[in-house]
Amino acid sequence: MAVAEFEKLGISGFKIGSAEFEGENENVMRGRNLSQALRRSLGDSPALKLIQSETEIKSLILRLMRLVRHGGSSAFEVLKDIDDPEQ
């Protein structure tokens, strides 16, 4: 988790917009749930392989768009329920 990595550097948390991420607060737990749901949704799909191989977000987005356009796993189906960790 990002918070744990920042804590290793002596920084107790960080802020993105108005959302504060510190310890195991609500935002950190929501991020954890979203991450777990995304991993479950992706399974062993081509989209997961792209995510694991890319280091730049812009490149990742462009490659995922190409994957969807050319009949690969639908990123929209993969991500449609990502905010609900129960699915």
N, C-alpha and C. Protein backbone atom coordinates (compact mmCIF):
# COMPACT_ATOMS: atom_id res chain seq x y z
N MET A 1 0.83 -1.19 0.00
CA MET A 1 0.00 0.00 0.00
C MET A 1 0.87 1.25 0.00
N ALA A 2 0.37 2.27 -0.64
CA ALA A 2 1.12 3.51 -0.74
C ALA A 2 1.40 4.12 0.62
N VAL A 3 0.42 4.06 1.53
CA VAL A 3 0.60 4.65 2.86
C VAL A 3 1.78 4.00 3.57
N ALA A 4 1.89 2.68 3.49
CA ALA A 4 2.99 1.96 4.14
C ALA A 4 4.33 2.37 3.55
N GLU A 5 4.38 2.58 2.25
CA GLU A 5 5.62 3.01 1.61
C GLU A 5 6.02 4.41 2.06
N PHE A 6 5.04 5.29 2.18
CA PHE A 6 5.34 6.64 2.68
C PHE A 6 5.80 6.59 4.13
N GLU A 7 5.18 5.71 4.93
CA GLU A 7 5.57 5.60 6.34
C GLU A 7 7.02 5.15 6.47
N LYS A 8 7.49 4.30 5.57
CA LYS A 8 8.89 3.88 5.57
C LYS A 8 9.83 5.07 5.38
N LEU A 9 9.33 6.10 4.72
CA LEU A 9 10.12 7.31 4.47
C LEU A 9 9.92 8.36 5.56
N GLY A 10 9.16 8.00 6.60
CA GLY A 10 8.92 8.93 7.69
C GLY A 10 7.78 9.90 7.44
N ILE A 11 6.95 9.62 6.44
CA ILE A 11 5.81 10.48 6.11
C ILE A 11 4.55 9.72 6.52
N SER A 12 3.74 10.33 7.39
CA SER A 12 2.60 9.62 7.97
C SER A 12 1.44 9.42 7.01
N GLY A 13 1.36 10.18 5.94
CA GLY A 13 0.27 10.04 5.00
C GLY A 13 0.42 11.02 3.85
N PHE A 14 -0.62 11.10 3.04
CA PHE A 14 -0.61 12.02 1.91
C PHE A 14 -2.04 12.39 1.56
N LYS A 15 -2.18 13.35 0.67
CA LYS A 15 -3.48 13.87 0.30
C LYS A 15 -3.58 13.92 -1.22
N ILE A 16 -4.73 13.48 -1.74
CA ILE A 16 -5.02 13.61 -3.17
C ILE A 16 -6.33 14.38 -3.24
N GLY A 17 -6.26 15.60 -3.76
CA GLY A 17 -7.43 16.46 -3.72
C GLY A 17 -7.81 16.70 -2.28
N SER A 18 -9.06 16.43 -1.93
CA SER A 18 -9.49 16.62 -0.55
C SER A 18 -9.42 15.32 0.26
N ALA A 19 -9.04 14.22 -0.39
CA ALA A 19 -8.99 12.92 0.30
C ALA A 19 -7.64 12.73 0.98
N GLU A 20 -7.68 12.46 2.28
CA GLU A 20 -6.46 12.21 3.04
C GLU A 20 -6.27 10.71 3.22
N PHE A 21 -5.05 10.26 3.03
CA PHE A 21 -4.70 8.85 3.16
C PHE A 21 -3.66 8.74 4.27
N GLU A 22 -4.07 8.14 5.39
CA GLU A 22 -3.18 8.03 6.55
C GLU A 22 -3.59 6.82 7.36
N GLY A 23 -2.60 6.04 7.79
CA GLY A 23 -2.88 4.85 8.59
C GLY A 23 -3.79 3.89 7.85
N GLU A 24 -4.89 3.54 8.50
CA GLU A 24 -5.88 2.70 7.85
C GLU A 24 -7.24 3.40 7.87
N ASN A 25 -7.23 4.70 7.50
CA ASN A 25 -8.47 5.46 7.52
C ASN A 25 -9.40 4.98 6.39
N GLU A 26 -10.58 5.57 6.32
CA GLU A 26 -11.61 5.15 5.37
C GLU A 26 -11.10 5.20 3.92
N ASN A 27 -10.36 6.22 3.57
CA ASN A 27 -9.85 6.33 2.19
C ASN A 27 -8.85 5.23 1.87
N VAL A 28 -7.99 4.91 2.82
CA VAL A 28 -7.01 3.84 2.62
C VAL A 28 -7.73 2.50 2.45
N MET A 29 -8.72 2.25 3.29
CA MET A 29 -9.46 0.99 3.20
C MET A 29 -10.25 0.90 1.90
N ARG A 30 -10.82 2.01 1.46
CA ARG A 30 -11.55 2.02 0.18
C ARG A 30 -10.59 1.71 -0.95
N GLY A 31 -9.40 2.29 -0.92
CA GLY A 31 -8.40 2.00 -1.93
C GLY A 31 -8.01 0.54 -1.94
N ARG A 32 -7.85 -0.03 -0.75
CA ARG A 32 -7.52 -1.46 -0.64
C ARG A 32 -8.64 -2.31 -1.25
N ASN A 33 -9.89 -1.98 -0.91
CA ASN A 33 -11.03 -2.73 -1.46
C ASN A 33 -11.10 -2.62 -2.98
N LEU A 34 -10.87 -1.43 -3.50
CA LEU A 34 -10.88 -1.24 -4.95
C LEU A 34 -9.78 -2.04 -5.62
N SER A 35 -8.60 -2.04 -5.02
CA SER A 35 -7.47 -2.80 -5.57
C SER A 35 -7.77 -4.30 -5.59
N GLN A 36 -8.33 -4.81 -4.51
CA GLN A 36 -8.66 -6.23 -4.44
C GLN A 36 -9.75 -6.59 -5.45
N ALA A 37 -10.75 -5.73 -5.59
CA ALA A 37 -11.83 -5.99 -6.54
C ALA A 37 -11.31 -5.97 -7.97
N LEU A 38 -10.40 -5.04 -8.25
CA LEU A 38 -9.81 -4.97 -9.59
C LEU A 38 -9.03 -6.23 -9.90
N ARG A 39 -8.22 -6.70 -8.96
CA ARG A 39 -7.45 -7.93 -9.18
C ARG A 39 -8.35 -9.13 -9.40
N ARG A 40 -9.44 -9.23 -8.62
CA ARG A 40 -10.39 -10.34 -8.81
C ARG A 40 -11.06 -10.25 -10.17
N SER A 41 -11.45 -9.05 -10.57
CA SER A 41 -12.13 -8.85 -11.85
C SER A 41 -11.24 -9.17 -13.03
N LEU A 42 -9.98 -8.81 -12.91
CA LEU A 42 -9.05 -9.00 -14.03
C LEU A 42 -8.64 -10.46 -14.19
N GLY A 43 -8.60 -11.21 -13.07
CA GLY A 43 -8.19 -12.61 -13.15
C GLY A 43 -6.85 -12.74 -13.85
N ASP A 44 -6.80 -13.53 -14.89
CA ASP A 44 -5.57 -13.74 -15.67
C ASP A 44 -5.77 -13.19 -17.08
N SER A 45 -6.39 -12.03 -17.17
CA SER A 45 -6.74 -11.46 -18.47
C SER A 45 -5.57 -10.72 -19.11
N PRO A 46 -5.69 -10.47 -20.42
CA PRO A 46 -4.68 -9.65 -21.10
C PRO A 46 -4.54 -8.26 -20.47
N ALA A 47 -5.65 -7.73 -19.95
CA ALA A 47 -5.60 -6.41 -19.32
C ALA A 47 -4.69 -6.43 -18.10
N LEU A 48 -4.73 -7.50 -17.30
CA LEU A 48 -3.86 -7.61 -16.13
C LEU A 48 -2.40 -7.63 -16.55
N LYS A 49 -2.10 -8.38 -17.59
CA LYS A 49 -0.72 -8.44 -18.07
C LYS A 49 -0.23 -7.06 -18.51
N LEU A 50 -1.11 -6.28 -19.14
CA LEU A 50 -0.74 -4.91 -19.53
C LEU A 50 -0.46 -4.06 -18.30
N ILE A 51 -1.34 -4.13 -17.32
CA ILE A 51 -1.19 -3.32 -16.11
C ILE A 51 0.11 -3.65 -15.41
N GLN A 52 0.45 -4.93 -15.36
CA GLN A 52 1.68 -5.35 -14.68
C GLN A 52 2.93 -4.94 -15.46
N SER A 53 2.81 -4.78 -16.77
CA SER A 53 4.00 -4.50 -17.57
C SER A 53 4.26 -3.01 -17.78
N GLU A 54 3.27 -2.16 -17.58
CA GLU A 54 3.42 -0.73 -17.85
C GLU A 54 3.85 0.04 -16.60
N THR A 55 4.71 1.00 -16.79
CA THR A 55 5.12 1.86 -15.69
C THR A 55 4.57 3.27 -15.82
N GLU A 56 4.05 3.63 -16.98
CA GLU A 56 3.50 4.97 -17.19
C GLU A 56 2.00 4.88 -17.45
N ILE A 57 1.23 5.68 -16.75
CA ILE A 57 -0.23 5.62 -16.84
C ILE A 57 -0.73 5.95 -18.25
N LYS A 58 -0.13 6.93 -18.91
CA LYS A 58 -0.58 7.31 -20.26
C LYS A 58 -0.42 6.14 -21.22
N SER A 59 0.71 5.49 -21.19
CA SER A 59 0.96 4.34 -22.04
C SER A 59 -0.01 3.21 -21.72
N LEU A 60 -0.25 2.98 -20.44
CA LEU A 60 -1.18 1.93 -20.02
C LEU A 60 -2.57 2.19 -20.58
N ILE A 61 -3.05 3.41 -20.44
CA ILE A 61 -4.39 3.75 -20.93
C ILE A 61 -4.49 3.56 -22.43
N LEU A 62 -3.50 4.00 -23.17
CA LEU A 62 -3.52 3.83 -24.62
C LEU A 62 -3.52 2.36 -25.02
N ARG A 63 -2.72 1.55 -24.34
CA ARG A 63 -2.68 0.13 -24.66
C ARG A 63 -3.98 -0.57 -24.27
N LEU A 64 -4.59 -0.20 -23.16
CA LEU A 64 -5.89 -0.78 -22.79
C LEU A 64 -6.97 -0.40 -23.80
N MET A 65 -6.93 0.83 -24.28
CA MET A 65 -7.89 1.27 -25.30
C MET A 65 -7.74 0.43 -26.56
N ARG A 66 -6.51 0.19 -26.98
CA ARG A 66 -6.28 -0.65 -28.17
C ARG A 66 -6.79 -2.06 -27.95
N LEU A 67 -6.56 -2.61 -26.76
CA LEU A 67 -7.02 -3.95 -26.43
C LEU A 67 -8.53 -4.05 -26.57
N VAL A 68 -9.24 -3.06 -26.03
CA VAL A 68 -10.70 -3.06 -26.10
C VAL A 68 -11.17 -2.91 -27.54
N ARG A 69 -10.56 -2.02 -28.29
CA ARG A 69 -10.98 -1.78 -29.69
C ARG A 69 -10.78 -3.00 -30.57
N HIS A 70 -9.79 -3.80 -30.28
CA HIS A 70 -9.47 -4.92 -31.15
C HIS A 70 -9.99 -6.25 -30.62
N GLY A 71 -11.03 -6.21 -29.81
CA GLY A 71 -11.72 -7.43 -29.42
C GLY A 71 -11.13 -8.21 -28.26
N GLY A 72 -10.20 -7.62 -27.53
CA GLY A 72 -9.67 -8.30 -26.36
C GLY A 72 -10.66 -8.20 -25.21
N SER A 73 -10.22 -8.48 -24.02
CA SER A 73 -11.09 -8.36 -22.85
C SER A 73 -11.63 -6.95 -22.77
N SER A 74 -12.89 -6.84 -22.50
CA SER A 74 -13.51 -5.54 -22.41
C SER A 74 -13.14 -4.86 -21.10
N ALA A 75 -12.38 -3.80 -21.20
CA ALA A 75 -12.00 -3.06 -20.00
C ALA A 75 -13.23 -2.52 -19.30
N PHE A 76 -14.27 -2.21 -20.08
CA PHE A 76 -15.48 -1.68 -19.49
C PHE A 76 -16.18 -2.74 -18.65
N GLU A 77 -16.21 -3.99 -19.12
CA GLU A 77 -16.79 -5.07 -18.32
C GLU A 77 -15.94 -5.33 -17.10
N VAL A 78 -14.63 -5.31 -17.28
CA VAL A 78 -13.70 -5.57 -16.17
C VAL A 78 -13.88 -4.53 -15.07
N LEU A 79 -14.08 -3.29 -15.45
CA LEU A 79 -14.11 -2.20 -14.48
C LEU A 79 -15.51 -1.76 -14.06
N LYS A 80 -16.57 -2.29 -14.67
CA LYS A 80 -17.91 -1.75 -14.44
C LYS A 80 -18.36 -1.78 -12.98
N ASP A 81 -17.98 -2.82 -12.25
CA ASP A 81 -18.42 -2.92 -10.85
C ASP A 81 -17.27 -2.80 -9.87
N ILE A 82 -16.22 -2.13 -10.25
CA ILE A 82 -15.01 -2.10 -9.45
C ILE A 82 -15.22 -1.42 -8.10
N ASP A 83 -16.19 -0.52 -7.99
CA ASP A 83 -16.39 0.18 -6.73
C ASP A 83 -17.16 -0.65 -5.71
N ASP A 84 -17.60 -1.87 -6.10
CA ASP A 84 -18.34 -2.74 -5.20
C ASP A 84 -17.50 -3.98 -4.88
N PRO A 85 -16.76 -3.98 -3.76
CA PRO A 85 -15.86 -5.09 -3.45
C PRO A 85 -16.55 -6.42 -3.21
N GLU A 86 -17.88 -6.43 -3.08
CA GLU A 86 -18.61 -7.67 -2.84
C GLU A 86 -18.82 -8.46 -4.11
N GLN A 87 -18.59 -7.87 -5.27
CA GLN A 87 -18.81 -8.59 -6.53
C GLN A 87 -17.56 -9.25 -7.02
